[in-house]
Every structure is written in structure tokens, then in C-alpha cells.
Amino acid sequence: MSVATINGTEFHVDAEGFLTDYDQWDQALAEDLAQAIGIELTPRHWEIIAFLREDYLAEGETPTLRRTAAGTGISIKQLFELFPGKPGKKMAYIAGLPKPRGCV
């Protein structure tokens, strides 16, 4: 397990930089993580992040794009617009969750 330092605080991360301790995450960290990958968080982003974190606790794994779309009512197309490129990875990264299963 590796350690990353953001704004003077250390966080446990995996080899790809995803947080490994659910409880180390907070909204300020999410803002920093989003900024690091070029995303400015809007209320819509926060709605998705809240869903991801709640679903992770309930299901024990990071939700897929389809489960996120179904659970939030936000289309997969909109998820790609909000989190360009690789939305599953970017959403999980900002939400402080493991990389979704099946993401490359």
C-alpha cells in the first residue's frame, strides 16, 4: 500500500492512486482530487458522488456506470459529459472508492 500526500495530509492509496480507506475521504479531498484531474465539481457531480458512496456501502463494491445511471437517473451520456474520458474511473477516484470492476 502506498501513501499520497495532498495539501499536507497523507492518504493510503493503491498502485493506481485510488484511496484504500473509505473513512479518509471528505468533501475537501474530493475537491482536490477533482481539481487534479481537471474537473470542477457542480451540484450534479456531488449528486453522483453521494450516490456512489452510499451504493458502495450498501453493495460492497464501486458501482458501474450502468448502476450509477440507473440509481441517479443521469444518463450514461451525461456521465461521460460530467466525467470526460473514463467516467467510471474518474467518478470512483473523486468519490474515494476503489476502481470499478471491469475498468481498464
C-alpha atoms as a PDB file:
ATOM      1  CA  MET A   1       0.000   0.000   0.000  1.00  0.00           C
ATOM      2  CA  SER A   2       1.280   3.439  -0.946  1.00  0.00           C
ATOM      3  CA  VAL A   3       0.777   6.814   0.633  1.00  0.00           C
ATOM      4  CA  ALA A   4      -0.111  10.010  -1.250  1.00  0.00           C
ATOM      5  CA  THR A   5       0.095  13.494   0.234  1.00  0.00           C
ATOM      6  CA  ILE A   6      -2.479  16.104  -0.732  1.00  0.00           C
ATOM      7  CA  ASN A   7      -2.391  19.561   0.869  1.00  0.00           C
ATOM      8  CA  GLY A   8      -0.123  18.244   3.619  1.00  0.00           C
ATOM      9  CA  THR A   9      -2.353  15.287   4.563  1.00  0.00           C
ATOM     10  CA  GLU A  10      -1.331  11.681   3.890  1.00  0.00           C
ATOM     11  CA  PHE A  11      -3.771   9.181   2.387  1.00  0.00           C
ATOM     12  CA  HIS A  12      -3.461   5.449   1.777  1.00  0.00           C
ATOM     13  CA  VAL A  13      -3.788   4.627  -1.921  1.00  0.00           C
ATOM     14  CA  ASP A  14      -3.386   1.610  -4.175  1.00  0.00           C
ATOM     15  CA  ALA A  15      -0.870   1.353  -7.018  1.00  0.00           C
ATOM     16  CA  GLU A  16      -3.169   3.383  -9.304  1.00  0.00           C
ATOM     17  CA  GLY A  17      -3.798   6.175  -6.783  1.00  0.00           C
ATOM     18  CA  PHE A  18      -7.282   5.162  -5.633  1.00  0.00           C
ATOM     19  CA  LEU A  19      -7.972   5.622  -1.927  1.00  0.00           C
ATOM     20  CA  THR A  20      -7.970   2.386   0.053  1.00  0.00           C
ATOM     21  CA  ASP A  21      -9.552   3.693   3.262  1.00  0.00           C
ATOM     22  CA  TYR A  22     -13.187   4.765   2.831  1.00  0.00           C
ATOM     23  CA  ASP A  23     -13.081   6.854   6.015  1.00  0.00           C
ATOM     24  CA  GLN A  24     -10.156   9.032   4.894  1.00  0.00           C
ATOM     25  CA  TRP A  25     -12.335  10.729   2.264  1.00  0.00           C
ATOM     26  CA  ASP A  26     -14.096  14.053   2.779  1.00  0.00           C
ATOM     27  CA  GLN A  27     -15.535  16.745   0.534  1.00  0.00           C
ATOM     28  CA  ALA A  28     -12.398  18.880   0.663  1.00  0.00           C
ATOM     29  CA  LEU A  29     -10.353  15.923  -0.559  1.00  0.00           C
ATOM     30  CA  ALA A  30     -12.893  15.323  -3.339  1.00  0.00           C
ATOM     31  CA  GLU A  31     -12.425  18.924  -4.479  1.00  0.00           C
ATOM     32  CA  ASP A  32      -8.638  18.451  -4.520  1.00  0.00           C
ATOM     33  CA  LEU A  33      -8.863  15.138  -6.400  1.00  0.00           C
ATOM     34  CA  ALA A  34     -11.270  16.604  -8.957  1.00  0.00           C
ATOM     35  CA  GLN A  35      -9.062  19.632  -9.495  1.00  0.00           C
ATOM     36  CA  ALA A  36      -6.053  17.342 -10.008  1.00  0.00           C
ATOM     37  CA  ILE A  37      -7.811  15.691 -12.972  1.00  0.00           C
ATOM     38  CA  GLY A  38      -9.315  18.883 -14.386  1.00  0.00           C
ATOM     39  CA  ILE A  39     -12.908  18.600 -13.156  1.00  0.00           C
ATOM     40  CA  GLU A  40     -14.770  21.428 -11.461  1.00  0.00           C
ATOM     41  CA  LEU A  41     -17.440  19.910  -9.234  1.00  0.00           C
ATOM     42  CA  THR A  42     -21.017  21.104  -9.700  1.00  0.00           C
ATOM     43  CA  PRO A  43     -24.150  20.112  -7.767  1.00  0.00           C
ATOM     44  CA  ARG A  44     -24.733  17.385 -10.385  1.00  0.00           C
ATOM     45  CA  HIS A  45     -21.265  15.945  -9.699  1.00  0.00           C
ATOM     46  CA  TRP A  46     -21.995  15.952  -5.957  1.00  0.00           C
ATOM     47  CA  GLU A  47     -25.267  14.110  -6.555  1.00  0.00           C
ATOM     48  CA  ILE A  48     -23.345  11.362  -8.341  1.00  0.00           C
ATOM     49  CA  ILE A  49     -20.602  11.244  -5.712  1.00  0.00           C
ATOM     50  CA  ALA A  50     -23.178  10.900  -2.928  1.00  0.00           C
ATOM     51  CA  PHE A  51     -24.842   8.032  -4.792  1.00  0.00           C
ATOM     52  CA  LEU A  52     -21.504   6.296  -5.379  1.00  0.00           C
ATOM     53  CA  ARG A  53     -20.530   6.445  -1.712  1.00  0.00           C
ATOM     54  CA  GLU A  54     -23.950   5.274  -0.466  1.00  0.00           C
ATOM     55  CA  ASP A  55     -24.129   2.476  -3.025  1.00  0.00           C
ATOM     56  CA  TYR A  56     -20.604   1.336  -2.178  1.00  0.00           C
ATOM     57  CA  LEU A  57     -21.553   0.935   1.477  1.00  0.00           C
ATOM     58  CA  ALA A  58     -24.700  -0.986   0.559  1.00  0.00           C
ATOM     59  CA  GLU A  59     -23.201  -3.234  -2.134  1.00  0.00           C
ATOM     60  CA  GLY A  60     -19.565  -3.575  -1.061  1.00  0.00           C
ATOM     61  CA  GLU A  61     -18.168  -2.581  -4.453  1.00  0.00           C
ATOM     62  CA  THR A  62     -17.929   0.544  -6.573  1.00  0.00           C
ATOM     63  CA  PRO A  63     -20.992   0.865  -8.816  1.00  0.00           C
ATOM     64  CA  THR A  64     -20.663   0.507 -12.569  1.00  0.00           C
ATOM     65  CA  LEU A  65     -21.729   3.221 -14.990  1.00  0.00           C
ATOM     66  CA  ARG A  66     -24.999   1.409 -15.614  1.00  0.00           C
ATOM     67  CA  ARG A  67     -25.788   1.079 -11.921  1.00  0.00           C
ATOM     68  CA  THR A  68     -24.886   4.734 -11.410  1.00  0.00           C
ATOM     69  CA  ALA A  69     -27.111   5.828 -14.291  1.00  0.00           C
ATOM     70  CA  ALA A  70     -29.999   3.706 -13.004  1.00  0.00           C
ATOM     71  CA  GLY A  71     -29.559   4.884  -9.423  1.00  0.00           C
ATOM     72  CA  THR A  72     -29.256   8.586 -10.204  1.00  0.00           C
ATOM     73  CA  GLY A  73     -31.425   8.956 -13.302  1.00  0.00           C
ATOM     74  CA  ILE A  74     -28.454  10.559 -15.044  1.00  0.00           C
ATOM     75  CA  SER A  75     -27.812   9.018 -18.453  1.00  0.00           C
ATOM     76  CA  ILE A  76     -24.529   7.350 -19.327  1.00  0.00           C
ATOM     77  CA  LYS A  77     -24.068  10.046 -21.980  1.00  0.00           C
ATOM     78  CA  GLN A  78     -24.350  12.718 -19.272  1.00  0.00           C
ATOM     79  CA  LEU A  79     -21.896  10.799 -17.066  1.00  0.00           C
ATOM     80  CA  PHE A  80     -19.403  10.961 -19.936  1.00  0.00           C
ATOM     81  CA  GLU A  81     -20.018  14.708 -20.225  1.00  0.00           C
ATOM     82  CA  LEU A  82     -19.548  15.306 -16.493  1.00  0.00           C
ATOM     83  CA  PHE A  83     -16.525  12.999 -16.180  1.00  0.00           C
ATOM     84  CA  PRO A  84     -14.943  13.056 -19.679  1.00  0.00           C
ATOM     85  CA  GLY A  85     -12.783  10.239 -20.929  1.00  0.00           C
ATOM     86  CA  LYS A  86     -13.124   7.447 -18.398  1.00  0.00           C
ATOM     87  CA  PRO A  87     -16.102   8.367 -16.227  1.00  0.00           C
ATOM     88  CA  GLY A  88     -16.146   5.193 -14.124  1.00  0.00           C
ATOM     89  CA  LYS A  89     -12.563   5.641 -13.016  1.00  0.00           C
ATOM     90  CA  LYS A  90     -12.855   9.393 -12.529  1.00  0.00           C
ATOM     91  CA  MET A  91     -16.067   9.145 -10.501  1.00  0.00           C
ATOM     92  CA  ALA A  92     -14.579   6.457  -8.243  1.00  0.00           C
ATOM     93  CA  TYR A  93     -11.323   8.391  -7.844  1.00  0.00           C
ATOM     94  CA  ILE A  94     -13.062  11.592  -6.762  1.00  0.00           C
ATOM     95  CA  ALA A  95     -15.511   9.690  -4.518  1.00  0.00           C
ATOM     96  CA  GLY A  96     -12.628   7.991  -2.728  1.00  0.00           C
ATOM     97  CA  LEU A  97     -13.622   4.484  -3.829  1.00  0.00           C
ATOM     98  CA  PRO A  98     -11.785   1.568  -5.436  1.00  0.00           C
ATOM     99  CA  LYS A  99     -11.613   1.447  -9.213  1.00  0.00           C
ATOM    100  CA  PRO A 100     -14.813  -0.182 -10.523  1.00  0.00           C
ATOM    101  CA  ARG A 101     -14.548  -3.808 -11.531  1.00  0.00           C
ATOM    102  CA  GLY A 102     -14.099  -4.105 -15.276  1.00  0.00           C
ATOM    103  CA  CYS A 103     -12.435  -0.701 -15.718  1.00  0.00           C
ATOM    104  CA  VAL A 104      -9.140  -0.749 -17.572  1.00  0.00           C
END
